[in-house]
Amino acid sequence: KHPAGVVIVKFVKPNDASDAVKAFNGKVRGNGRKLEASFWDGTTDYTVVDVEKEEKEAEKRLDKFGDWLEEQELPEEFQLRVEEKD
């Protein structure tokens, strides 16, 4: 279910799609909401994304990568050297 109420309908025949747009565009539903029917513009992405879930997954991936980095053995020329002053 799309939170904005978006519904995508595909038709085999272009004429059937045109008839549906004409029939439904501007109609008012029983709940008072006005329907807007139109042809897809070819670019709008109506995919629903769970932002919180995506952020958690990204954090897990970054943590895993950080753990992997810390496990790596650095070549001696890249290791931190501390010189003591007398």
C-alpha atoms as a PDB file:
ATOM      1  CA  LYS A   1       0.000   0.000   0.000  1.00  0.00           C
ATOM      2  CA  HIS A   2       1.433   3.352  -1.059  1.00  0.00           C
ATOM      3  CA  PRO A   3       1.182   6.045   1.659  1.00  0.00           C
ATOM      4  CA  ALA A   4       0.232   8.714  -0.881  1.00  0.00           C
ATOM      5  CA  GLY A   5      -2.465   6.478  -2.366  1.00  0.00           C
ATOM      6  CA  VAL A   6      -0.631   5.935  -5.648  1.00  0.00           C
ATOM      7  CA  VAL A   7      -1.984   3.096  -7.742  1.00  0.00           C
ATOM      8  CA  ILE A   8      -0.318   1.933 -10.946  1.00  0.00           C
ATOM      9  CA  VAL A   9      -2.471   0.225 -13.537  1.00  0.00           C
ATOM     10  CA  LYS A  10      -1.097  -1.268 -16.752  1.00  0.00           C
ATOM     11  CA  PHE A  11      -3.181  -1.854 -19.859  1.00  0.00           C
ATOM     12  CA  VAL A  12      -2.510  -4.015 -22.895  1.00  0.00           C
ATOM     13  CA  LYS A  13      -4.192  -1.590 -25.279  1.00  0.00           C
ATOM     14  CA  PRO A  14      -3.369   2.155 -25.254  1.00  0.00           C
ATOM     15  CA  ASN A  15      -7.027   2.985 -25.953  1.00  0.00           C
ATOM     16  CA  ASP A  16      -8.080   1.195 -22.782  1.00  0.00           C
ATOM     17  CA  ALA A  17      -5.598   3.295 -20.795  1.00  0.00           C
ATOM     18  CA  SER A  18      -6.935   6.507 -22.368  1.00  0.00           C
ATOM     19  CA  ASP A  19     -10.503   5.491 -21.529  1.00  0.00           C
ATOM     20  CA  ALA A  20      -9.541   4.781 -17.901  1.00  0.00           C
ATOM     21  CA  VAL A  21      -7.796   8.155 -17.513  1.00  0.00           C
ATOM     22  CA  LYS A  22     -10.855   9.931 -18.922  1.00  0.00           C
ATOM     23  CA  ALA A  23     -13.226   7.939 -16.692  1.00  0.00           C
ATOM     24  CA  PHE A  24     -11.366   8.343 -13.407  1.00  0.00           C
ATOM     25  CA  ASN A  25      -9.573  11.699 -13.584  1.00  0.00           C
ATOM     26  CA  GLY A  26     -11.325  14.277 -11.412  1.00  0.00           C
ATOM     27  CA  LYS A  27     -13.797  11.854  -9.859  1.00  0.00           C
ATOM     28  CA  VAL A  28     -14.490  12.270  -6.148  1.00  0.00           C
ATOM     29  CA  ARG A  29     -14.469   9.137  -4.017  1.00  0.00           C
ATOM     30  CA  GLY A  30     -16.870   8.427  -1.178  1.00  0.00           C
ATOM     31  CA  ASN A  31     -14.272   9.653   1.333  1.00  0.00           C
ATOM     32  CA  GLY A  32     -14.138  13.048  -0.388  1.00  0.00           C
ATOM     33  CA  ARG A  33     -10.731  12.548  -1.966  1.00  0.00           C
ATOM     34  CA  LYS A  34     -10.446  13.596  -5.587  1.00  0.00           C
ATOM     35  CA  LEU A  35      -8.845  11.085  -7.946  1.00  0.00           C
ATOM     36  CA  GLU A  36      -6.099  12.147 -10.291  1.00  0.00           C
ATOM     37  CA  ALA A  37      -5.579   9.812 -13.235  1.00  0.00           C
ATOM     38  CA  SER A  38      -2.776  10.415 -15.707  1.00  0.00           C
ATOM     39  CA  PHE A  39      -0.237   8.686 -17.873  1.00  0.00           C
ATOM     40  CA  TRP A  40       3.134   7.858 -16.327  1.00  0.00           C
ATOM     41  CA  ASP A  41       5.751  10.445 -17.309  1.00  0.00           C
ATOM     42  CA  GLY A  42       8.427   7.772 -17.686  1.00  0.00           C
ATOM     43  CA  THR A  43      10.668   9.173 -14.951  1.00  0.00           C
ATOM     44  CA  THR A  44       8.765   9.471 -11.680  1.00  0.00           C
ATOM     45  CA  ASP A  45       9.714   6.716  -9.244  1.00  0.00           C
ATOM     46  CA  TYR A  46       6.756   5.713  -7.086  1.00  0.00           C
ATOM     47  CA  THR A  47       8.742   3.150  -5.090  1.00  0.00           C
ATOM     48  CA  VAL A  48       8.096   3.327  -1.362  1.00  0.00           C
ATOM     49  CA  VAL A  49      11.352   3.396   0.605  1.00  0.00           C
ATOM     50  CA  ASP A  50      11.632   2.647   4.305  1.00  0.00           C
ATOM     51  CA  VAL A  51      14.217   5.315   5.205  1.00  0.00           C
ATOM     52  CA  GLU A  52      14.717   4.073   8.759  1.00  0.00           C
ATOM     53  CA  LYS A  53      15.360   0.520   7.567  1.00  0.00           C
ATOM     54  CA  GLU A  54      17.764   1.749   4.854  1.00  0.00           C
ATOM     55  CA  GLU A  55      19.720   3.799   7.424  1.00  0.00           C
ATOM     56  CA  LYS A  56      20.021   0.824   9.791  1.00  0.00           C
ATOM     57  CA  GLU A  57      21.254  -1.423   6.984  1.00  0.00           C
ATOM     58  CA  ALA A  58      23.791   1.201   5.879  1.00  0.00           C
ATOM     59  CA  GLU A  59      25.034   1.556   9.461  1.00  0.00           C
ATOM     60  CA  LYS A  60      25.479  -2.220   9.725  1.00  0.00           C
ATOM     61  CA  ARG A  61      27.449  -2.288   6.462  1.00  0.00           C
ATOM     62  CA  LEU A  62      29.684   0.561   7.629  1.00  0.00           C
ATOM     63  CA  ASP A  63      30.288  -1.115  10.999  1.00  0.00           C
ATOM     64  CA  LYS A  64      31.193  -4.365   9.273  1.00  0.00           C
ATOM     65  CA  PHE A  65      33.567  -2.523   6.930  1.00  0.00           C
ATOM     66  CA  GLY A  66      35.127  -0.670   9.887  1.00  0.00           C
ATOM     67  CA  ASP A  67      35.686  -3.976  11.699  1.00  0.00           C
ATOM     68  CA  TRP A  68      37.311  -5.399   8.573  1.00  0.00           C
ATOM     69  CA  LEU A  69      39.596  -2.374   8.271  1.00  0.00           C
ATOM     70  CA  GLU A  70      40.714  -2.681  11.881  1.00  0.00           C
ATOM     71  CA  GLU A  71      41.578  -6.355  11.355  1.00  0.00           C
ATOM     72  CA  GLN A  72      43.963  -5.570   8.511  1.00  0.00           C
ATOM     73  CA  GLU A  73      47.716  -5.707   9.089  1.00  0.00           C
ATOM     74  CA  LEU A  74      49.399  -2.483   7.990  1.00  0.00           C
ATOM     75  CA  PRO A  75      52.753  -2.658   6.227  1.00  0.00           C
ATOM     76  CA  GLU A  76      55.532  -1.377   8.465  1.00  0.00           C
ATOM     77  CA  GLU A  77      55.985   1.831   6.438  1.00  0.00           C
ATOM     78  CA  PHE A  78      52.390   2.799   7.259  1.00  0.00           C
ATOM     79  CA  GLN A  79      52.433   1.893  10.945  1.00  0.00           C
ATOM     80  CA  LEU A  80      52.453   4.655  13.524  1.00  0.00           C
ATOM     81  CA  ARG A  81      55.922   5.297  15.003  1.00  0.00           C
ATOM     82  CA  VAL A  82      56.333   7.191  18.242  1.00  0.00           C
ATOM     83  CA  GLU A  83      59.703   8.666  19.068  1.00  0.00           C
ATOM     84  CA  GLU A  84      60.457   9.442  22.679  1.00  0.00           C
ATOM     85  CA  LYS A  85      62.238  12.668  23.530  1.00  0.00           C
ATOM     86  CA  ASP A  86      64.960  12.629  26.124  1.00  0.00           C
END
